[in-house]
Amino acid sequence: MKHFTSGLIVGVIGTVTAGLAALMTFKKAVVDPIEDEESKFEENRRKALRKSRAAHHG
């Protein structure tokens, strides 16, 4: 019974660890590049707006 319990605990911990690793990998591979792209678009939009205003007030 002791081997079964320790094996079960190790299995549960391994499964949880694998699930967390999969979530972290998904975030790094999918979510972060999308957020980076959105921030670049936002930064470029701000620069263009500043440049446009400066051109009309000069």
PDB file of N, CA and C in Angstrom:
ATOM      1  N   MET A   1       0.821  -1.192   0.000  1.00  0.00           N
ATOM      2  CA  MET A   1       0.000   0.000   0.000  1.00  0.00           C
ATOM      3  C   MET A   1       0.863   1.253   0.000  1.00  0.00           C
ATOM      4  N   LYS A   2       2.023   1.176   0.654  1.00  0.00           N
ATOM      5  CA  LYS A   2       2.907   2.323   0.728  1.00  0.00           C
ATOM      6  C   LYS A   2       3.427   2.698  -0.662  1.00  0.00           C
ATOM      7  N   HIS A   3       3.754   1.706  -1.482  1.00  0.00           N
ATOM      8  CA  HIS A   3       4.263   1.969  -2.826  1.00  0.00           C
ATOM      9  C   HIS A   3       3.175   2.594  -3.703  1.00  0.00           C
ATOM     10  N   PHE A   4       1.962   2.140  -3.522  1.00  0.00           N
ATOM     11  CA  PHE A   4       0.854   2.690  -4.294  1.00  0.00           C
ATOM     12  C   PHE A   4       0.649   4.163  -3.957  1.00  0.00           C
ATOM     13  N   THR A   5       0.657   4.486  -2.679  1.00  0.00           N
ATOM     14  CA  THR A   5       0.442   5.867  -2.236  1.00  0.00           C
ATOM     15  C   THR A   5       1.559   6.776  -2.730  1.00  0.00           C
ATOM     16  N   SER A   6       2.791   6.347  -2.588  1.00  0.00           N
ATOM     17  CA  SER A   6       3.901   7.189  -3.045  1.00  0.00           C
ATOM     18  C   SER A   6       3.880   7.324  -4.565  1.00  0.00           C
ATOM     19  N   GLY A   7       3.533   6.271  -5.269  1.00  0.00           N
ATOM     20  CA  GLY A   7       3.426   6.344  -6.720  1.00  0.00           C
ATOM     21  C   GLY A   7       2.317   7.269  -7.161  1.00  0.00           C
ATOM     22  N   LEU A   8       1.205   7.228  -6.456  1.00  0.00           N
ATOM     23  CA  LEU A   8       0.091   8.116  -6.766  1.00  0.00           C
ATOM     24  C   LEU A   8       0.476   9.573  -6.551  1.00  0.00           C
ATOM     25  N   ILE A   9       1.140   9.850  -5.461  1.00  0.00           N
ATOM     26  CA  ILE A   9       1.563  11.216  -5.162  1.00  0.00           C
ATOM     27  C   ILE A   9       2.548  11.714  -6.219  1.00  0.00           C
ATOM     28  N   VAL A  10       3.516  10.885  -6.581  1.00  0.00           N
ATOM     29  CA  VAL A  10       4.483  11.261  -7.607  1.00  0.00           C
ATOM     30  C   VAL A  10       3.786  11.477  -8.944  1.00  0.00           C
ATOM     31  N   GLY A  11       2.834  10.639  -9.268  1.00  0.00           N
ATOM     32  CA  GLY A  11       2.097  10.784 -10.517  1.00  0.00           C
ATOM     33  C   GLY A  11       1.288  12.059 -10.573  1.00  0.00           C
ATOM     34  N   VAL A  12       0.619  12.383  -9.483  1.00  0.00           N
ATOM     35  CA  VAL A  12      -0.181  13.611  -9.433  1.00  0.00           C
ATOM     36  C   VAL A  12       0.733  14.832  -9.553  1.00  0.00           C
ATOM     37  N   ILE A  13       1.830  14.837  -8.829  1.00  0.00           N
ATOM     38  CA  ILE A  13       2.769  15.958  -8.899  1.00  0.00           C
ATOM     39  C   ILE A  13       3.342  16.088 -10.313  1.00  0.00           C
ATOM     40  N   GLY A  14       3.670  14.976 -10.937  1.00  0.00           N
ATOM     41  CA  GLY A  14       4.196  15.004 -12.300  1.00  0.00           C
ATOM     42  C   GLY A  14       3.182  15.527 -13.295  1.00  0.00           C
ATOM     43  N   THR A  15       1.930  15.124 -13.135  1.00  0.00           N
ATOM     44  CA  THR A  15       0.875  15.587 -14.030  1.00  0.00           C
ATOM     45  C   THR A  15       0.640  17.086 -13.886  1.00  0.00           C
ATOM     46  N   VAL A  16       0.597  17.553 -12.660  1.00  0.00           N
ATOM     47  CA  VAL A  16       0.404  18.984 -12.415  1.00  0.00           C
ATOM     48  C   VAL A  16       1.579  19.779 -12.979  1.00  0.00           C
ATOM     49  N   THR A  17       2.784  19.285 -12.783  1.00  0.00           N
ATOM     50  CA  THR A  17       3.975  19.958 -13.303  1.00  0.00           C
ATOM     51  C   THR A  17       3.954  20.017 -14.826  1.00  0.00           C
ATOM     52  N   ALA A  18       3.578  18.930 -15.462  1.00  0.00           N
ATOM     53  CA  ALA A  18       3.499  18.898 -16.921  1.00  0.00           C
ATOM     54  C   ALA A  18       2.438  19.873 -17.429  1.00  0.00           C
ATOM     55  N   GLY A  19       1.319  19.955 -16.750  1.00  0.00           N
ATOM     56  CA  GLY A  19       0.265  20.897 -17.137  1.00  0.00           C
ATOM     57  C   GLY A  19       0.717  22.341 -17.018  1.00  0.00           C
ATOM     58  N   LEU A  20       1.404  22.670 -15.928  1.00  0.00           N
ATOM     59  CA  LEU A  20       1.921  24.025 -15.755  1.00  0.00           C
ATOM     60  C   LEU A  20       2.969  24.359 -16.809  1.00  0.00           C
ATOM     61  N   ALA A  21       3.819  23.395 -17.124  1.00  0.00           N
ATOM     62  CA  ALA A  21       4.838  23.610 -18.156  1.00  0.00           C
ATOM     63  C   ALA A  21       4.180  23.856 -19.510  1.00  0.00           C
ATOM     64  N   ALA A  22       3.117  23.134 -19.809  1.00  0.00           N
ATOM     65  CA  ALA A  22       2.408  23.332 -21.076  1.00  0.00           C
ATOM     66  C   ALA A  22       1.778  24.723 -21.127  1.00  0.00           C
ATOM     67  N   LEU A  23       1.204  25.171 -20.038  1.00  0.00           N
ATOM     68  CA  LEU A  23       0.612  26.508 -20.000  1.00  0.00           C
ATOM     69  C   LEU A  23       1.662  27.597 -20.174  1.00  0.00           C
ATOM     70  N   MET A  24       2.797  27.434 -19.515  1.00  0.00           N
ATOM     71  CA  MET A  24       3.873  28.419 -19.640  1.00  0.00           C
ATOM     72  C   MET A  24       4.410  28.458 -21.064  1.00  0.00           C
ATOM     73  N   THR A  25       4.554  27.305 -21.678  1.00  0.00           N
ATOM     74  CA  THR A  25       5.044  27.237 -23.053  1.00  0.00           C
ATOM     75  C   THR A  25       4.049  27.899 -24.005  1.00  0.00           C
ATOM     76  N   PHE A  26       2.770  27.639 -23.815  1.00  0.00           N
ATOM     77  CA  PHE A  26       1.739  28.263 -24.640  1.00  0.00           C
ATOM     78  C   PHE A  26       1.787  29.778 -24.513  1.00  0.00           C
ATOM     79  N   LYS A  27       1.935  30.255 -23.291  1.00  0.00           N
ATOM     80  CA  LYS A  27       1.991  31.702 -23.068  1.00  0.00           C
ATOM     81  C   LYS A  27       3.193  32.306 -23.785  1.00  0.00           C
ATOM     82  N   LYS A  28       4.346  31.662 -23.666  1.00  0.00           N
ATOM     83  CA  LYS A  28       5.558  32.176 -24.317  1.00  0.00           C
ATOM     84  C   LYS A  28       5.450  32.125 -25.837  1.00  0.00           C
ATOM     85  N   ALA A  29       4.841  31.092 -26.368  1.00  0.00           N
ATOM     86  CA  ALA A  29       4.808  30.891 -27.820  1.00  0.00           C
ATOM     87  C   ALA A  29       3.674  31.640 -28.504  1.00  0.00           C
ATOM     88  N   VAL A  30       2.557  31.865 -27.814  1.00  0.00           N
ATOM     89  CA  VAL A  30       1.383  32.429 -28.472  1.00  0.00           C
ATOM     90  C   VAL A  30       1.006  33.799 -27.903  1.00  0.00           C
ATOM     91  N   VAL A  31       0.869  33.905 -26.618  1.00  0.00           N
ATOM     92  CA  VAL A  31       0.318  35.116 -26.012  1.00  0.00           C
ATOM     93  C   VAL A  31       1.323  36.267 -26.023  1.00  0.00           C
ATOM     94  N   ASP A  32       2.560  36.028 -25.621  1.00  0.00           N
ATOM     95  CA  ASP A  32       3.555  37.095 -25.555  1.00  0.00           C
ATOM     96  C   ASP A  32       3.838  37.735 -26.916  1.00  0.00           C
ATOM     97  N   PRO A  33       4.002  36.972 -28.008  1.00  0.00           N
ATOM     98  CA  PRO A  33       4.218  37.637 -29.300  1.00  0.00           C
ATOM     99  C   PRO A  33       3.040  38.516 -29.726  1.00  0.00           C
ATOM    100  N   ILE A  34       1.822  38.112 -29.414  1.00  0.00           N
ATOM    101  CA  ILE A  34       0.653  38.922 -29.758  1.00  0.00           C
ATOM    102  C   ILE A  34       0.668  40.220 -28.960  1.00  0.00           C
ATOM    103  N   GLU A  35       0.992  40.140 -27.676  1.00  0.00           N
ATOM    104  CA  GLU A  35       1.048  41.338 -26.843  1.00  0.00           C
ATOM    105  C   GLU A  35       2.170  42.266 -27.305  1.00  0.00           C
ATOM    106  N   ASP A  36       3.310  41.709 -27.697  1.00  0.00           N
ATOM    107  CA  ASP A  36       4.413  42.527 -28.197  1.00  0.00           C
ATOM    108  C   ASP A  36       4.009  43.247 -29.475  1.00  0.00           C
ATOM    109  N   GLU A  37       3.335  42.555 -30.363  1.00  0.00           N
ATOM    110  CA  GLU A  37       2.895  43.157 -31.620  1.00  0.00           C
ATOM    111  C   GLU A  37       1.901  44.284 -31.355  1.00  0.00           C
ATOM    112  N   GLU A  38       0.984  44.075 -30.437  1.00  0.00           N
ATOM    113  CA  GLU A  38       0.008  45.106 -30.110  1.00  0.00           C
ATOM    114  C   GLU A  38       0.689  46.337 -29.516  1.00  0.00           C
ATOM    115  N   SER A  39       1.685  46.131 -28.670  1.00  0.00           N
ATOM    116  CA  SER A  39       2.388  47.273 -28.088  1.00  0.00           C
ATOM    117  C   SER A  39       3.177  48.032 -29.145  1.00  0.00           C
ATOM    118  N   LYS A  40       3.742  47.336 -30.130  1.00  0.00           N
ATOM    119  CA  LYS A  40       4.452  48.015 -31.220  1.00  0.00           C
ATOM    120  C   LYS A  40       3.486  48.846 -32.050  1.00  0.00           C
ATOM    121  N   PHE A  41       2.306  48.312 -32.347  1.00  0.00           N
ATOM    122  CA  PHE A  41       1.298  49.063 -33.094  1.00  0.00           C
ATOM    123  C   PHE A  41       0.891  50.321 -32.329  1.00  0.00           C
ATOM    124  N   GLU A  42       0.693  50.164 -31.036  1.00  0.00           N
ATOM    125  CA  GLU A  42       0.290  51.303 -30.210  1.00  0.00           C
ATOM    126  C   GLU A  42       1.396  52.367 -30.182  1.00  0.00           C
ATOM    127  N   GLU A  43       2.626  51.946 -30.058  1.00  0.00           N
ATOM    128  CA  GLU A  43       3.750  52.883 -30.043  1.00  0.00           C
ATOM    129  C   GLU A  43       3.864  53.607 -31.387  1.00  0.00           C
ATOM    130  N   ASN A  44       3.729  52.889 -32.489  1.00  0.00           N
ATOM    131  CA  ASN A  44       3.792  53.513 -33.806  1.00  0.00           C
ATOM    132  C   ASN A  44       2.637  54.481 -34.027  1.00  0.00           C
ATOM    133  N   ARG A  45       1.465  54.154 -33.517  1.00  0.00           N
ATOM    134  CA  ARG A  45       0.313  55.044 -33.643  1.00  0.00           C
ATOM    135  C   ARG A  45       0.574  56.346 -32.894  1.00  0.00           C
ATOM    136  N   ARG A  46       1.146  56.254 -31.693  1.00  0.00           N
ATOM    137  CA  ARG A  46       1.460  57.459 -30.915  1.00  0.00           C
ATOM    138  C   ARG A  46       2.487  58.323 -31.629  1.00  0.00           C
ATOM    139  N   LYS A  47       3.523  57.692 -32.166  1.00  0.00           N
ATOM    140  CA  LYS A  47       4.553  58.432 -32.889  1.00  0.00           C
ATOM    141  C   LYS A  47       3.960  59.144 -34.100  1.00  0.00           C
ATOM    142  N   ALA A  48       3.103  58.455 -34.838  1.00  0.00           N
ATOM    143  CA  ALA A  48       2.489  59.049 -36.018  1.00  0.00           C
ATOM    144  C   ALA A  48       1.587  60.220 -35.631  1.00  0.00           C
ATOM    145  N   LEU A  49       0.865  60.077 -34.543  1.00  0.00           N
ATOM    146  CA  LEU A  49      -0.002  61.153 -34.088  1.00  0.00           C
ATOM    147  C   LEU A  49       0.816  62.366 -33.676  1.00  0.00           C
ATOM    148  N   ARG A  50       1.914  62.161 -32.955  1.00  0.00           N
ATOM    149  CA  ARG A  50       2.792  63.260 -32.562  1.00  0.00           C
ATOM    150  C   ARG A  50       3.387  63.947 -33.784  1.00  0.00           C
ATOM    151  N   LYS A  51       3.825  63.148 -34.724  1.00  0.00           N
ATOM    152  CA  LYS A  51       4.448  63.683 -35.942  1.00  0.00           C
ATOM    153  C   LYS A  51       3.419  64.488 -36.745  1.00  0.00           C
ATOM    154  N   SER A  52       2.209  63.998 -36.818  1.00  0.00           N
ATOM    155  CA  SER A  52       1.157  64.686 -37.545  1.00  0.00           C
ATOM    156  C   SER A  52       0.825  66.023 -36.905  1.00  0.00           C
ATOM    157  N   ARG A  53       0.730  66.052 -35.597  1.00  0.00           N
ATOM    158  CA  ARG A  53       0.428  67.301 -34.890  1.00  0.00           C
ATOM    159  C   ARG A  53       1.575  68.296 -35.034  1.00  0.00           C
ATOM    160  N   ALA A  54       2.806  67.820 -34.961  1.00  0.00           N
ATOM    161  CA  ALA A  54       3.960  68.698 -35.085  1.00  0.00           C
ATOM    162  C   ALA A  54       4.031  69.306 -36.485  1.00  0.00           C
ATOM    163  N   ALA A  55       3.634  68.579 -37.492  1.00  0.00           N
ATOM    164  CA  ALA A  55       3.684  69.065 -38.870  1.00  0.00           C
ATOM    165  C   ALA A  55       2.664  70.178 -39.097  1.00  0.00           C
ATOM    166  N   HIS A  56       1.568  70.159 -38.383  1.00  0.00           N
ATOM    167  CA  HIS A  56       0.517  71.155 -38.589  1.00  0.00           C
ATOM    168  C   HIS A  56       0.660  72.368 -37.685  1.00  0.00           C
ATOM    169  N   HIS A  57       1.570  72.316 -36.726  1.00  0.00           N
ATOM    170  CA  HIS A  57       1.752  73.447 -35.810  1.00  0.00           C
ATOM    171  C   HIS A  57       3.076  74.159 -36.059  1.00  0.00           C
ATOM    172  N   GLY A  58       3.795  73.752 -37.038  1.00  0.00           N
ATOM    173  CA  GLY A  58       5.133  74.288 -37.245  1.00  0.00           C
ATOM    174  C   GLY A  58       5.129  75.395 -38.171  1.00  0.00           C
TER     175      GLY A  58
END
